[in-house]
Amino acid sequence: MLVNTVISRAVHQPGNHQLEFNAAHLPDGAYTIRLSGEEGILTKPLIMSK
């Protein structure tokens, strides 16, 4: 299993945020994106095909 943490335990002010994620080193496949905050956890699938 591959685990890649982009932002870990960072505290951000409420609002919109952008993040650039370079997936060039990752193989094609199915991944899961997980975002967590005070209101709960959001998990979304990501299918990567180069």
C-alpha atoms as a PDB file:
ATOM      1  CA  MET A   1       0.000   0.000   0.000  1.00  0.00           C
ATOM      2  CA  LEU A   2       1.280   3.435  -0.942  1.00  0.00           C
ATOM      3  CA  VAL A   3       0.543   6.292   1.456  1.00  0.00           C
ATOM      4  CA  ASN A   4       1.413   9.844   0.467  1.00  0.00           C
ATOM      5  CA  THR A   5       0.722  12.684   2.879  1.00  0.00           C
ATOM      6  CA  VAL A   6       0.607  16.106   1.262  1.00  0.00           C
ATOM      7  CA  ILE A   7      -0.407  18.177   4.299  1.00  0.00           C
ATOM      8  CA  SER A   8      -0.321  16.645   7.736  1.00  0.00           C
ATOM      9  CA  ARG A   9      -1.631  18.184  10.939  1.00  0.00           C
ATOM     10  CA  ALA A  10      -1.357  21.697   9.520  1.00  0.00           C
ATOM     11  CA  VAL A  11      -3.817  24.251  10.853  1.00  0.00           C
ATOM     12  CA  HIS A  12      -5.419  26.505   8.247  1.00  0.00           C
ATOM     13  CA  GLN A  13      -7.883  29.332   8.556  1.00  0.00           C
ATOM     14  CA  PRO A  14     -11.419  28.635   7.287  1.00  0.00           C
ATOM     15  CA  GLY A  15     -11.916  29.361   3.603  1.00  0.00           C
ATOM     16  CA  ASN A  16     -10.886  28.138   0.195  1.00  0.00           C
ATOM     17  CA  HIS A  17      -7.439  26.661  -0.274  1.00  0.00           C
ATOM     18  CA  GLN A  18      -5.559  25.348  -3.295  1.00  0.00           C
ATOM     19  CA  LEU A  19      -2.918  22.674  -3.402  1.00  0.00           C
ATOM     20  CA  GLU A  20      -0.763  21.560  -6.304  1.00  0.00           C
ATOM     21  CA  PHE A  21      -0.093  17.852  -6.235  1.00  0.00           C
ATOM     22  CA  ASN A  22       2.502  16.424  -8.632  1.00  0.00           C
ATOM     23  CA  ALA A  23       1.572  12.801  -9.264  1.00  0.00           C
ATOM     24  CA  ALA A  24       4.227  12.176 -11.916  1.00  0.00           C
ATOM     25  CA  HIS A  25       5.990   9.641  -9.676  1.00  0.00           C
ATOM     26  CA  LEU A  26       2.835   7.613  -9.002  1.00  0.00           C
ATOM     27  CA  PRO A  27       1.695   4.727 -11.201  1.00  0.00           C
ATOM     28  CA  ASP A  28      -1.717   4.605 -12.854  1.00  0.00           C
ATOM     29  CA  GLY A  29      -4.419   3.267 -10.580  1.00  0.00           C
ATOM     30  CA  ALA A  30      -7.142   4.020  -8.084  1.00  0.00           C
ATOM     31  CA  TYR A  31      -6.346   6.269  -5.145  1.00  0.00           C
ATOM     32  CA  THR A  32      -8.284   7.815  -2.287  1.00  0.00           C
ATOM     33  CA  ILE A  33      -8.198  11.477  -1.325  1.00  0.00           C
ATOM     34  CA  ARG A  34      -8.999  12.191   2.334  1.00  0.00           C
ATOM     35  CA  LEU A  35      -9.686  15.649   3.725  1.00  0.00           C
ATOM     36  CA  SER A  36     -10.443  16.158   7.388  1.00  0.00           C
ATOM     37  CA  GLY A  37     -11.577  19.156   9.366  1.00  0.00           C
ATOM     38  CA  GLU A  38     -13.696  20.232  12.282  1.00  0.00           C
ATOM     39  CA  GLU A  39     -16.906  19.281  10.468  1.00  0.00           C
ATOM     40  CA  GLY A  40     -15.783  15.751   9.659  1.00  0.00           C
ATOM     41  CA  ILE A  41     -13.894  13.743   7.086  1.00  0.00           C
ATOM     42  CA  LEU A  42     -14.433  13.784   3.314  1.00  0.00           C
ATOM     43  CA  THR A  43     -13.109  10.837   1.309  1.00  0.00           C
ATOM     44  CA  LYS A  44     -13.189  10.831  -2.506  1.00  0.00           C
ATOM     45  CA  PRO A  45     -11.894   8.377  -5.102  1.00  0.00           C
ATOM     46  CA  LEU A  46      -9.285   9.412  -7.652  1.00  0.00           C
ATOM     47  CA  ILE A  47      -8.585   7.403 -10.810  1.00  0.00           C
ATOM     48  CA  MET A  48      -5.248   8.271 -12.381  1.00  0.00           C
ATOM     49  CA  SER A  49      -4.446   7.407 -15.962  1.00  0.00           C
ATOM     50  CA  LYS A  50      -1.459   8.907 -17.776  1.00  0.00           C
END
